[in-house]
Protein backbone atom coordinates (compact mmCIF):
# COMPACT_ATOMS: atom_id res chain seq x y z
CA MET A 1 -11.57 -1.76 -80.31
CA GLN A 2 -11.32 1.71 -81.82
CA SER A 3 -8.58 2.76 -79.36
CA LEU A 4 -6.65 -0.43 -80.24
CA LEU A 5 -6.77 0.44 -83.95
CA ILE A 6 -5.70 4.01 -83.21
CA SER A 7 -2.72 2.72 -81.25
CA ILE A 8 -1.75 0.37 -84.05
CA GLN A 9 -1.93 3.16 -86.60
CA PHE A 10 0.07 5.45 -84.34
CA PHE A 11 3.08 3.12 -84.46
CA LYS A 12 2.75 2.79 -88.26
CA ILE A 13 3.28 -0.93 -88.35
CA THR A 14 2.83 -2.91 -91.54
CA GLU A 15 -0.42 -4.67 -92.40
CA HIS A 16 1.29 -8.03 -91.87
CA GLU A 17 2.53 -7.02 -88.40
CA LYS A 18 -0.94 -5.79 -87.50
CA ASP A 19 -2.48 -9.11 -88.59
CA LEU A 20 0.05 -11.07 -86.52
CA PHE A 21 -0.58 -8.86 -83.50
CA LEU A 22 -4.36 -9.27 -83.74
CA LEU A 23 -4.03 -13.03 -84.25
CA ASN A 24 -1.84 -13.34 -81.17
CA LEU A 25 -4.23 -11.16 -79.20
CA MET A 26 -7.18 -13.37 -80.16
CA LEU A 27 -5.29 -16.56 -79.31
CA PHE A 28 -4.18 -15.19 -75.95
CA ALA A 29 -7.71 -14.07 -75.12
CA THR A 30 -9.10 -17.56 -75.71
CA ILE A 31 -6.63 -19.48 -73.54
CA ASN A 32 -8.24 -20.85 -70.38
CA VAL A 33 -6.21 -20.24 -67.28
CA PHE A 34 -6.79 -22.52 -64.34
CA ALA A 35 -5.48 -21.65 -60.93
CA GLN A 36 -5.17 -24.21 -58.20
CA SER A 37 -7.25 -23.87 -55.08
CA GLU A 38 -6.81 -25.43 -51.68
CA GLY A 39 -8.30 -28.94 -51.80
CA ASP A 40 -7.90 -29.53 -55.55
CA TYR A 41 -6.64 -32.94 -56.65
CA ARG A 42 -4.59 -34.08 -59.63
CA SER A 43 -3.57 -37.54 -60.79
CA ARG A 44 0.06 -38.60 -60.63
CA SER A 45 -0.08 -42.03 -62.31
CA ASP A 46 -2.29 -44.59 -64.05
CA GLY A 47 -4.68 -46.84 -62.13
CA ASN A 48 -7.96 -47.02 -60.26
CA TRP A 49 -9.66 -43.94 -58.84
CA ASN A 50 -9.53 -45.30 -55.27
CA SER A 51 -5.86 -46.30 -55.31
CA THR A 52 -4.04 -44.89 -52.29
CA ASN A 53 -0.99 -43.69 -54.25
CA ARG A 54 -2.73 -42.15 -57.25
CA TRP A 55 -3.36 -38.56 -56.20
CA GLN A 56 -1.81 -35.26 -55.18
CA ARG A 57 -3.72 -32.52 -53.40
CA TYR A 58 -3.05 -28.79 -53.41
CA ILE A 59 -2.28 -27.98 -49.78
CA GLY A 60 -0.61 -24.83 -48.46
CA GLY A 61 0.42 -23.58 -51.90
CA SER A 62 2.01 -26.78 -53.24
CA TRP A 63 1.08 -30.21 -54.59
CA THR A 64 1.43 -32.94 -51.95
CA ASN A 65 1.14 -36.71 -52.34
CA VAL A 66 -1.89 -37.97 -50.41
CA THR A 67 -3.32 -41.37 -49.50
CA ASP A 68 -6.98 -40.47 -49.94
CA TYR A 69 -8.84 -40.05 -53.24
CA PRO A 70 -11.19 -37.36 -54.55
CA GLY A 71 -14.66 -37.88 -53.10
CA GLN A 72 -13.52 -40.09 -50.25
CA ASN A 73 -13.90 -37.13 -47.90
CA ALA A 74 -16.00 -33.98 -48.19
CA GLY A 75 -14.41 -30.83 -49.57
CA ALA A 76 -12.73 -32.04 -52.76
CA GLY A 77 -12.34 -29.21 -55.22
CA THR A 78 -11.47 -29.56 -58.88
CA VAL A 79 -10.03 -32.93 -59.91
CA THR A 80 -7.62 -32.94 -62.85
CA ILE A 81 -6.62 -36.09 -64.71
CA MET A 82 -3.17 -35.14 -65.99
CA ASP A 83 -2.28 -35.63 -69.65
CA GLY A 84 -0.96 -39.16 -70.14
CA ASP A 85 -2.58 -40.60 -67.00
CA ASP A 86 -5.23 -43.31 -67.41
CA VAL A 87 -7.49 -43.31 -64.34
CA THR A 88 -10.39 -45.76 -64.09
CA LEU A 89 -13.43 -44.74 -62.06
CA ASN A 90 -13.88 -48.11 -60.37
CA ILE A 91 -16.06 -46.90 -57.47
CA SER A 92 -18.79 -44.38 -56.76
CA PRO A 93 -17.22 -41.83 -54.37
CA SER A 94 -19.37 -41.10 -51.33
CA ASN A 95 -18.83 -37.32 -51.62
CA SER A 96 -19.08 -35.02 -54.62
CA ILE A 97 -16.17 -33.21 -56.27
CA GLY A 98 -16.14 -29.62 -57.46
CA ALA A 99 -15.34 -30.31 -61.14
CA LEU A 100 -13.49 -32.77 -63.35
CA ILE A 101 -10.86 -31.74 -65.90
CA ILE A 102 -9.28 -34.24 -68.29
CA GLU A 103 -6.15 -32.71 -69.79
CA GLY A 104 -5.24 -33.47 -73.39
CA GLY A 105 -7.06 -36.76 -73.55
CA VAL A 106 -10.34 -38.28 -74.51
CA ILE A 107 -13.19 -39.62 -72.44
C-alpha cells in the first residue's frame, strides 16, 4: 500500500482524483470473475430443470445447446441460472453438480 501512495503522490494528483482512483480500485478488486470450464451448464429459458431444451453446455470453448440437463449424467460442472430465467427444480438429479450460481435473482 505504501508504494501505491508513493506513486499517487509522484503524479501530484488532486485529493479528489486520488479518492476516485482508490474507490475504483476497491470496486474492481471486489468483482467476482467467473470463467467457464468444459462441462459447465447455463440456462437458456424458463421451465423445468429436466426439460430437454432448457440448457446450454460449455463444450470446446463455446456454449452449445444440449438435450440433457445438469445432473442427468456425471461430470456436470458449475450450473448457472441466467438472470431473467425461472427454472424449477422438479426432479432430484441422479448425479451431483459442481456448483450452482443464480445470477441477479432471488432464491
